[in-house]
Amino acid sequence: MSKKEALISLWRLLAELYDDKEKAKRLVEQSGVNPAHISADGAAADYWWRILLEAHKRVKVEEIVKNASWEIEERASDLKQAYRSYADAPDTGDLLEAPTMMPGQGSGISSGISIGKIEATNVSMRDQYIFGRGEIDMGNETKIDR
């Protein structure tokens, strides 16, 4: 498992446990990450990905997991296992672009996406997303037919 894959697994777990952005913000503050550096736009899952990217840059992912484990004791072992996978994963230099799918929720990170003919507007996370075999390059607004 790569660092990116491990971070995505941790993201899914945290987004499931903290589906309220205010609770996520409080946890971030307790973990020593300044929420002012993180855009709160979009859904809670969007926010969590940006939180984890900021925490990854500032070497604070462990603090977030520790605080979440104390708050949600019944899922502490899941959180610690996800963190161990992240900590032990080799950093292959992959870009940590936003994941596009939350389990059972369709596209959780971007908005304005329709399937079939892919149209992308108001994509909030990154200027390049990969959807199946279609690729969207968001210089401004790019539409690519499948």
N, C-alpha and C. Protein backbone atom coordinates (compact mmCIF):
# COMPACT_ATOMS: atom_id res chain seq x y z
N MET A 1 0.85 -1.17 0.00
CA MET A 1 0.00 0.00 0.00
C MET A 1 0.90 1.24 0.00
N SER A 2 0.57 2.17 -0.89
CA SER A 2 1.35 3.40 -0.96
C SER A 2 0.88 4.39 0.10
N LYS A 3 1.65 5.44 0.29
CA LYS A 3 1.28 6.50 1.23
C LYS A 3 -0.07 7.10 0.84
N LYS A 4 -0.26 7.32 -0.46
CA LYS A 4 -1.51 7.89 -0.94
C LYS A 4 -2.69 6.96 -0.63
N GLU A 5 -2.55 5.68 -0.91
CA GLU A 5 -3.63 4.72 -0.63
C GLU A 5 -3.95 4.66 0.86
N ALA A 6 -2.91 4.70 1.68
CA ALA A 6 -3.12 4.68 3.13
C ALA A 6 -3.81 5.94 3.62
N LEU A 7 -3.44 7.08 3.04
CA LEU A 7 -4.08 8.33 3.42
C LEU A 7 -5.55 8.34 3.00
N ILE A 8 -5.85 7.76 1.85
CA ILE A 8 -7.24 7.65 1.40
C ILE A 8 -8.04 6.77 2.36
N SER A 9 -7.47 5.67 2.81
CA SER A 9 -8.16 4.80 3.78
C SER A 9 -8.44 5.55 5.08
N LEU A 10 -7.47 6.30 5.54
CA LEU A 10 -7.64 7.09 6.76
C LEU A 10 -8.70 8.18 6.53
N TRP A 11 -8.66 8.82 5.39
CA TRP A 11 -9.65 9.84 5.03
C TRP A 11 -11.07 9.27 5.08
N ARG A 12 -11.26 8.10 4.48
CA ARG A 12 -12.59 7.48 4.48
C ARG A 12 -13.09 7.25 5.90
N LEU A 13 -12.22 6.77 6.74
CA LEU A 13 -12.60 6.48 8.12
C LEU A 13 -12.94 7.78 8.87
N LEU A 14 -12.09 8.77 8.78
CA LEU A 14 -12.35 10.03 9.48
C LEU A 14 -13.60 10.74 8.95
N ALA A 15 -13.80 10.70 7.64
CA ALA A 15 -15.00 11.33 7.05
C ALA A 15 -16.26 10.61 7.51
N GLU A 16 -16.17 9.31 7.73
CA GLU A 16 -17.31 8.55 8.24
C GLU A 16 -17.58 8.91 9.70
N LEU A 17 -16.53 9.01 10.50
CA LEU A 17 -16.69 9.25 11.93
C LEU A 17 -17.03 10.69 12.26
N TYR A 18 -16.55 11.62 11.46
CA TYR A 18 -16.76 13.05 11.69
C TYR A 18 -17.42 13.65 10.44
N ASP A 19 -18.71 13.45 10.31
CA ASP A 19 -19.40 13.96 9.13
C ASP A 19 -19.89 15.39 9.30
N ASP A 20 -19.53 16.01 10.42
CA ASP A 20 -19.87 17.40 10.70
C ASP A 20 -18.59 18.23 10.66
N LYS A 21 -18.57 19.26 9.84
CA LYS A 21 -17.36 20.06 9.67
C LYS A 21 -16.93 20.78 10.94
N GLU A 22 -17.86 21.18 11.77
CA GLU A 22 -17.50 21.87 13.03
C GLU A 22 -16.76 20.92 13.97
N LYS A 23 -17.18 19.68 14.03
CA LYS A 23 -16.48 18.68 14.87
C LYS A 23 -15.09 18.41 14.30
N ALA A 24 -15.01 18.35 12.98
CA ALA A 24 -13.71 18.14 12.34
C ALA A 24 -12.78 19.31 12.63
N LYS A 25 -13.31 20.52 12.55
CA LYS A 25 -12.51 21.72 12.81
C LYS A 25 -11.98 21.72 14.24
N ARG A 26 -12.84 21.34 15.19
CA ARG A 26 -12.42 21.29 16.60
C ARG A 26 -11.29 20.27 16.76
N LEU A 27 -11.41 19.12 16.14
CA LEU A 27 -10.38 18.08 16.23
C LEU A 27 -9.07 18.58 15.63
N VAL A 28 -9.16 19.30 14.53
CA VAL A 28 -7.98 19.84 13.86
C VAL A 28 -7.27 20.83 14.79
N GLU A 29 -8.04 21.72 15.39
CA GLU A 29 -7.45 22.69 16.31
C GLU A 29 -6.76 22.00 17.48
N GLN A 30 -7.39 20.96 18.03
CA GLN A 30 -6.80 20.22 19.15
C GLN A 30 -5.52 19.51 18.74
N SER A 31 -5.38 19.25 17.47
CA SER A 31 -4.23 18.49 16.97
C SER A 31 -3.07 19.37 16.54
N GLY A 32 -3.22 20.68 16.69
CA GLY A 32 -2.13 21.59 16.37
C GLY A 32 -2.05 22.01 14.92
N VAL A 33 -3.13 21.83 14.18
CA VAL A 33 -3.19 22.28 12.79
C VAL A 33 -4.10 23.49 12.76
N ASN A 34 -3.64 24.55 12.13
CA ASN A 34 -4.42 25.78 12.07
C ASN A 34 -5.52 25.65 11.01
N PRO A 35 -6.80 25.63 11.42
CA PRO A 35 -7.88 25.48 10.44
C PRO A 35 -8.00 26.67 9.49
N ALA A 36 -7.40 27.79 9.82
CA ALA A 36 -7.43 28.94 8.92
C ALA A 36 -6.68 28.65 7.62
N HIS A 37 -5.79 27.66 7.62
CA HIS A 37 -5.04 27.28 6.42
C HIS A 37 -5.80 26.29 5.55
N ILE A 38 -7.02 25.91 5.97
CA ILE A 38 -7.76 24.84 5.29
C ILE A 38 -9.12 25.38 4.86
N SER A 39 -9.40 25.31 3.59
CA SER A 39 -10.70 25.75 3.08
C SER A 39 -11.79 24.81 3.59
N ALA A 40 -12.87 25.38 4.10
CA ALA A 40 -13.99 24.59 4.61
C ALA A 40 -15.10 24.47 3.57
N ASP A 41 -14.82 24.85 2.33
CA ASP A 41 -15.83 24.75 1.27
C ASP A 41 -16.19 23.29 1.00
N GLY A 42 -17.38 23.07 0.52
CA GLY A 42 -17.81 21.75 0.10
C GLY A 42 -18.29 20.89 1.26
N ALA A 43 -18.43 19.63 0.98
CA ALA A 43 -18.92 18.65 1.95
C ALA A 43 -17.86 18.35 3.00
N ALA A 44 -18.28 17.70 4.07
CA ALA A 44 -17.35 17.31 5.14
C ALA A 44 -16.23 16.43 4.60
N ALA A 45 -16.54 15.56 3.65
CA ALA A 45 -15.50 14.70 3.07
C ALA A 45 -14.44 15.52 2.35
N ASP A 46 -14.87 16.57 1.64
CA ASP A 46 -13.92 17.48 0.99
C ASP A 46 -13.00 18.10 2.04
N TYR A 47 -13.62 18.58 3.10
CA TYR A 47 -12.89 19.24 4.19
C TYR A 47 -11.88 18.28 4.80
N TRP A 48 -12.29 17.04 5.02
CA TRP A 48 -11.38 16.06 5.62
C TRP A 48 -10.16 15.81 4.74
N TRP A 49 -10.36 15.75 3.43
CA TRP A 49 -9.20 15.53 2.57
C TRP A 49 -8.22 16.68 2.69
N ARG A 50 -8.73 17.90 2.69
CA ARG A 50 -7.85 19.06 2.83
C ARG A 50 -7.18 19.08 4.21
N ILE A 51 -7.91 18.66 5.23
CA ILE A 51 -7.33 18.55 6.58
C ILE A 51 -6.15 17.59 6.56
N LEU A 52 -6.36 16.42 5.99
CA LEU A 52 -5.29 15.42 5.98
C LEU A 52 -4.09 15.85 5.14
N LEU A 53 -4.33 16.56 4.05
CA LEU A 53 -3.20 17.07 3.26
C LEU A 53 -2.39 18.07 4.08
N GLU A 54 -3.07 18.96 4.77
CA GLU A 54 -2.38 19.94 5.61
C GLU A 54 -1.64 19.24 6.75
N ALA A 55 -2.30 18.27 7.38
CA ALA A 55 -1.67 17.53 8.47
C ALA A 55 -0.46 16.73 7.96
N HIS A 56 -0.58 16.17 6.78
CA HIS A 56 0.53 15.42 6.17
C HIS A 56 1.73 16.36 5.96
N LYS A 57 1.47 17.55 5.42
CA LYS A 57 2.56 18.52 5.19
C LYS A 57 3.22 18.94 6.50
N ARG A 58 2.45 19.03 7.55
CA ARG A 58 2.95 19.53 8.84
C ARG A 58 3.29 18.41 9.83
N VAL A 59 3.26 17.17 9.36
CA VAL A 59 3.57 15.98 10.18
C VAL A 59 2.67 15.96 11.43
N LYS A 60 1.37 16.12 11.22
CA LYS A 60 0.41 16.14 12.31
C LYS A 60 -0.68 15.08 12.16
N VAL A 61 -0.55 14.16 11.22
CA VAL A 61 -1.57 13.14 11.03
C VAL A 61 -1.71 12.28 12.28
N GLU A 62 -0.59 11.95 12.91
CA GLU A 62 -0.64 11.14 14.13
C GLU A 62 -1.43 11.85 15.23
N GLU A 63 -1.25 13.16 15.36
CA GLU A 63 -1.99 13.92 16.38
C GLU A 63 -3.50 13.87 16.12
N ILE A 64 -3.88 13.99 14.88
CA ILE A 64 -5.31 13.93 14.54
C ILE A 64 -5.86 12.56 14.90
N VAL A 65 -5.13 11.51 14.58
CA VAL A 65 -5.60 10.15 14.88
C VAL A 65 -5.65 9.91 16.39
N LYS A 66 -4.66 10.38 17.12
CA LYS A 66 -4.67 10.24 18.58
C LYS A 66 -5.90 10.91 19.19
N ASN A 67 -6.15 12.15 18.78
CA ASN A 67 -7.30 12.87 19.34
C ASN A 67 -8.62 12.22 18.94
N ALA A 68 -8.73 11.77 17.71
CA ALA A 68 -9.94 11.07 17.28
C ALA A 68 -10.13 9.77 18.05
N SER A 69 -9.04 9.07 18.33
CA SER A 69 -9.10 7.81 19.09
C SER A 69 -9.58 8.04 20.52
N TRP A 70 -9.17 9.15 21.11
CA TRP A 70 -9.63 9.47 22.46
C TRP A 70 -11.12 9.82 22.46
N GLU A 71 -11.56 10.51 21.43
CA GLU A 71 -12.97 10.92 21.36
C GLU A 71 -13.90 9.77 21.01
N ILE A 72 -13.47 8.91 20.13
CA ILE A 72 -14.33 7.82 19.66
C ILE A 72 -13.63 6.50 20.00
N GLU A 73 -13.67 6.18 21.28
CA GLU A 73 -12.94 5.03 21.80
C GLU A 73 -13.33 3.71 21.14
N GLU A 74 -14.62 3.58 20.77
CA GLU A 74 -15.07 2.32 20.17
C GLU A 74 -14.47 2.09 18.78
N ARG A 75 -13.91 3.10 18.16
CA ARG A 75 -13.26 2.95 16.85
C ARG A 75 -11.76 3.22 16.93
N ALA A 76 -11.23 3.30 18.14
CA ALA A 76 -9.81 3.61 18.33
C ALA A 76 -8.90 2.61 17.63
N SER A 77 -9.24 1.33 17.70
CA SER A 77 -8.37 0.33 17.05
C SER A 77 -8.38 0.49 15.53
N ASP A 78 -9.54 0.83 14.95
CA ASP A 78 -9.60 1.08 13.50
C ASP A 78 -8.76 2.29 13.12
N LEU A 79 -8.87 3.35 13.92
CA LEU A 79 -8.09 4.56 13.66
C LEU A 79 -6.60 4.30 13.77
N LYS A 80 -6.20 3.59 14.81
CA LYS A 80 -4.77 3.30 15.00
C LYS A 80 -4.23 2.40 13.89
N GLN A 81 -5.03 1.44 13.47
CA GLN A 81 -4.60 0.56 12.38
C GLN A 81 -4.46 1.35 11.08
N ALA A 82 -5.40 2.25 10.80
CA ALA A 82 -5.31 3.08 9.60
C ALA A 82 -4.08 3.97 9.66
N TYR A 83 -3.79 4.51 10.84
CA TYR A 83 -2.60 5.35 10.97
C TYR A 83 -1.33 4.53 10.79
N ARG A 84 -1.28 3.33 11.37
CA ARG A 84 -0.09 2.48 11.20
C ARG A 84 0.16 2.19 9.73
N SER A 85 -0.91 1.92 8.98
CA SER A 85 -0.76 1.68 7.54
C SER A 85 -0.18 2.91 6.85
N TYR A 86 -0.67 4.08 7.23
CA TYR A 86 -0.17 5.34 6.67
C TYR A 86 1.29 5.55 7.04
N ALA A 87 1.61 5.39 8.31
CA ALA A 87 2.97 5.64 8.80
C ALA A 87 3.98 4.67 8.19
N ASP A 88 3.57 3.42 7.98
CA ASP A 88 4.47 2.40 7.46
C ASP A 88 4.56 2.40 5.93
N ALA A 89 3.63 3.07 5.27
CA ALA A 89 3.60 3.04 3.81
C ALA A 89 4.77 3.83 3.23
N PRO A 90 5.37 3.31 2.18
CA PRO A 90 6.46 4.06 1.54
C PRO A 90 5.90 5.28 0.82
N ASP A 91 6.63 6.36 0.88
CA ASP A 91 6.25 7.56 0.16
C ASP A 91 6.89 7.48 -1.22
N THR A 92 6.07 7.16 -2.21
CA THR A 92 6.56 6.96 -3.57
C THR A 92 6.59 8.25 -4.38
N GLY A 93 6.25 9.35 -3.73
CA GLY A 93 6.25 10.63 -4.42
C GLY A 93 4.99 10.88 -5.23
N ASP A 94 3.97 9.99 -5.08
CA ASP A 94 2.71 10.20 -5.79
C ASP A 94 2.09 11.51 -5.35
N LEU A 95 1.47 12.21 -6.31
CA LEU A 95 0.70 13.39 -5.95
C LEU A 95 -0.48 12.95 -5.10
N LEU A 96 -0.78 13.72 -4.09
CA LEU A 96 -1.88 13.37 -3.21
C LEU A 96 -3.14 14.10 -3.65
N GLU A 97 -3.54 13.83 -4.92
CA GLU A 97 -4.76 14.47 -5.40
C GLU A 97 -5.96 13.86 -4.69
N ALA A 98 -7.04 14.58 -4.75
CA ALA A 98 -8.25 14.20 -4.03
C ALA A 98 -8.82 12.90 -4.55
N PRO A 99 -9.20 12.01 -3.64
CA PRO A 99 -9.92 10.81 -4.06
C PRO A 99 -11.29 11.23 -4.58
N THR A 100 -11.86 10.43 -5.45
CA THR A 100 -13.12 10.82 -6.06
C THR A 100 -14.32 10.07 -5.53
N MET A 101 -14.14 9.05 -4.76
CA MET A 101 -15.28 8.25 -4.33
C MET A 101 -15.27 8.00 -2.83
N MET A 102 -16.41 8.23 -2.20
CA MET A 102 -16.65 7.80 -0.83
C MET A 102 -17.46 6.52 -0.94
N PRO A 103 -17.23 5.53 -0.10
CA PRO A 103 -17.99 4.29 -0.18
C PRO A 103 -19.49 4.56 -0.11
N GLY A 104 -20.22 4.06 -1.11
CA GLY A 104 -21.67 4.16 -1.11
C GLY A 104 -22.22 5.56 -1.35
N GLN A 105 -21.37 6.53 -1.69
CA GLN A 105 -21.87 7.89 -1.84
C GLN A 105 -21.61 8.46 -3.22
N GLY A 106 -21.13 7.68 -4.15
CA GLY A 106 -20.81 8.26 -5.44
C GLY A 106 -19.62 9.19 -5.31
N SER A 107 -19.64 10.24 -6.04
CA SER A 107 -18.52 11.17 -6.03
C SER A 107 -18.61 12.08 -4.82
N GLY A 108 -17.67 11.95 -3.91
CA GLY A 108 -17.74 12.72 -2.68
C GLY A 108 -16.92 13.99 -2.68
N ILE A 109 -15.98 14.13 -3.58
CA ILE A 109 -15.07 15.25 -3.49
C ILE A 109 -15.41 16.38 -4.44
N SER A 110 -15.87 16.09 -5.60
CA SER A 110 -16.08 17.16 -6.55
C SER A 110 -17.57 17.41 -6.75
N SER A 111 -17.88 18.56 -7.26
CA SER A 111 -19.27 18.90 -7.51
C SER A 111 -19.45 19.25 -8.97
N GLY A 112 -20.67 19.12 -9.44
CA GLY A 112 -20.96 19.45 -10.82
C GLY A 112 -20.52 18.38 -11.80
N ILE A 113 -20.47 17.13 -11.38
CA ILE A 113 -20.03 16.04 -12.24
C ILE A 113 -21.26 15.25 -12.68
N SER A 114 -21.38 14.96 -13.96
CA SER A 114 -22.42 14.06 -14.43
C SER A 114 -21.74 12.92 -15.18
N ILE A 115 -22.32 11.75 -15.10
CA ILE A 115 -21.71 10.56 -15.71
C ILE A 115 -22.27 10.38 -17.13
N GLY A 116 -21.59 9.62 -17.95
CA GLY A 116 -21.93 9.49 -19.35
C GLY A 116 -21.05 10.48 -20.08
N LYS A 117 -21.61 11.59 -20.43
CA LYS A 117 -20.79 12.71 -20.89
C LYS A 117 -20.31 13.38 -19.62
N ILE A 118 -19.03 13.43 -19.43
CA ILE A 118 -18.50 14.00 -18.20
C ILE A 118 -18.45 15.51 -18.34
N GLU A 119 -19.13 16.19 -17.44
CA GLU A 119 -19.06 17.64 -17.39
C GLU A 119 -18.55 18.01 -16.01
N ALA A 120 -17.63 18.91 -15.95
CA ALA A 120 -17.08 19.30 -14.66
C ALA A 120 -17.12 20.81 -14.53
N THR A 121 -17.78 21.25 -13.49
CA THR A 121 -17.77 22.66 -13.14
C THR A 121 -17.63 22.74 -11.64
N ASN A 122 -17.08 23.79 -11.15
CA ASN A 122 -16.95 24.01 -9.71
C ASN A 122 -16.23 22.86 -9.01
N VAL A 123 -15.16 22.35 -9.61
CA VAL A 123 -14.38 21.31 -8.97
C VAL A 123 -13.48 21.98 -7.95
N SER A 124 -13.64 21.56 -6.69
CA SER A 124 -13.04 22.34 -5.63
C SER A 124 -11.69 21.83 -5.15
N MET A 125 -11.29 20.65 -5.45
CA MET A 125 -10.13 20.07 -4.79
C MET A 125 -8.82 20.23 -5.54
N ARG A 126 -8.81 20.05 -6.84
CA ARG A 126 -7.56 20.00 -7.55
C ARG A 126 -7.83 20.24 -9.01
N ASP A 127 -6.84 20.65 -9.77
CA ASP A 127 -7.14 20.96 -11.16
C ASP A 127 -7.06 19.77 -12.09
N GLN A 128 -6.91 18.58 -11.56
CA GLN A 128 -6.98 17.41 -12.43
C GLN A 128 -7.60 16.26 -11.67
N TYR A 129 -8.64 15.64 -12.26
CA TYR A 129 -9.31 14.48 -11.69
C TYR A 129 -9.33 13.37 -12.73
N ILE A 130 -9.29 12.19 -12.26
CA ILE A 130 -9.38 11.05 -13.16
C ILE A 130 -10.68 10.31 -12.83
N PHE A 131 -11.51 10.09 -13.80
CA PHE A 131 -12.77 9.36 -13.62
C PHE A 131 -12.77 8.20 -14.60
N GLY A 132 -12.61 6.99 -14.10
CA GLY A 132 -12.58 5.85 -14.98
C GLY A 132 -11.50 6.02 -16.02
N ARG A 133 -11.88 5.97 -17.27
CA ARG A 133 -10.89 6.16 -18.34
C ARG A 133 -10.94 7.58 -18.89
N GLY A 134 -11.89 8.38 -18.44
CA GLY A 134 -11.96 9.77 -18.90
C GLY A 134 -11.14 10.65 -17.98
N GLU A 135 -10.53 11.63 -18.51
CA GLU A 135 -9.71 12.52 -17.69
C GLU A 135 -10.24 13.93 -17.88
N ILE A 136 -10.34 14.64 -16.78
CA ILE A 136 -10.80 16.02 -16.84
C ILE A 136 -9.66 16.92 -16.44
N ASP A 137 -9.32 17.84 -17.30
CA ASP A 137 -8.29 18.82 -16.99
C ASP A 137 -9.01 20.15 -16.77
N MET A 138 -8.94 20.67 -15.55
CA MET A 138 -9.72 21.84 -15.20
C MET A 138 -8.88 23.10 -15.25
N GLY A 139 -8.44 23.51 -16.42
CA GLY A 139 -7.77 24.80 -16.55
C GLY A 139 -8.74 25.89 -16.15
N ASN A 140 -9.85 25.96 -16.75
CA ASN A 140 -10.98 26.79 -16.36
C ASN A 140 -12.17 25.85 -16.25
N GLU A 141 -12.81 25.60 -17.37
CA GLU A 141 -13.89 24.62 -17.41
C GLU A 141 -13.67 23.79 -18.66
N THR A 142 -13.31 22.54 -18.48
CA THR A 142 -13.05 21.66 -19.60
C THR A 142 -14.06 20.54 -19.58
N LYS A 143 -14.61 20.23 -20.74
CA LYS A 143 -15.56 19.14 -20.85
C LYS A 143 -14.98 18.12 -21.81
N ILE A 144 -14.98 16.88 -21.42
CA ILE A 144 -14.43 15.83 -22.24
C ILE A 144 -15.50 14.76 -22.42
N ASP A 145 -15.83 14.43 -23.67
CA ASP A 145 -16.78 13.36 -23.94
C ASP A 145 -16.07 12.04 -23.82
N ARG A 146 -16.79 11.04 -23.40
CA ARG A 146 -16.24 9.68 -23.39
C ARG A 146 -16.42 9.06 -24.75
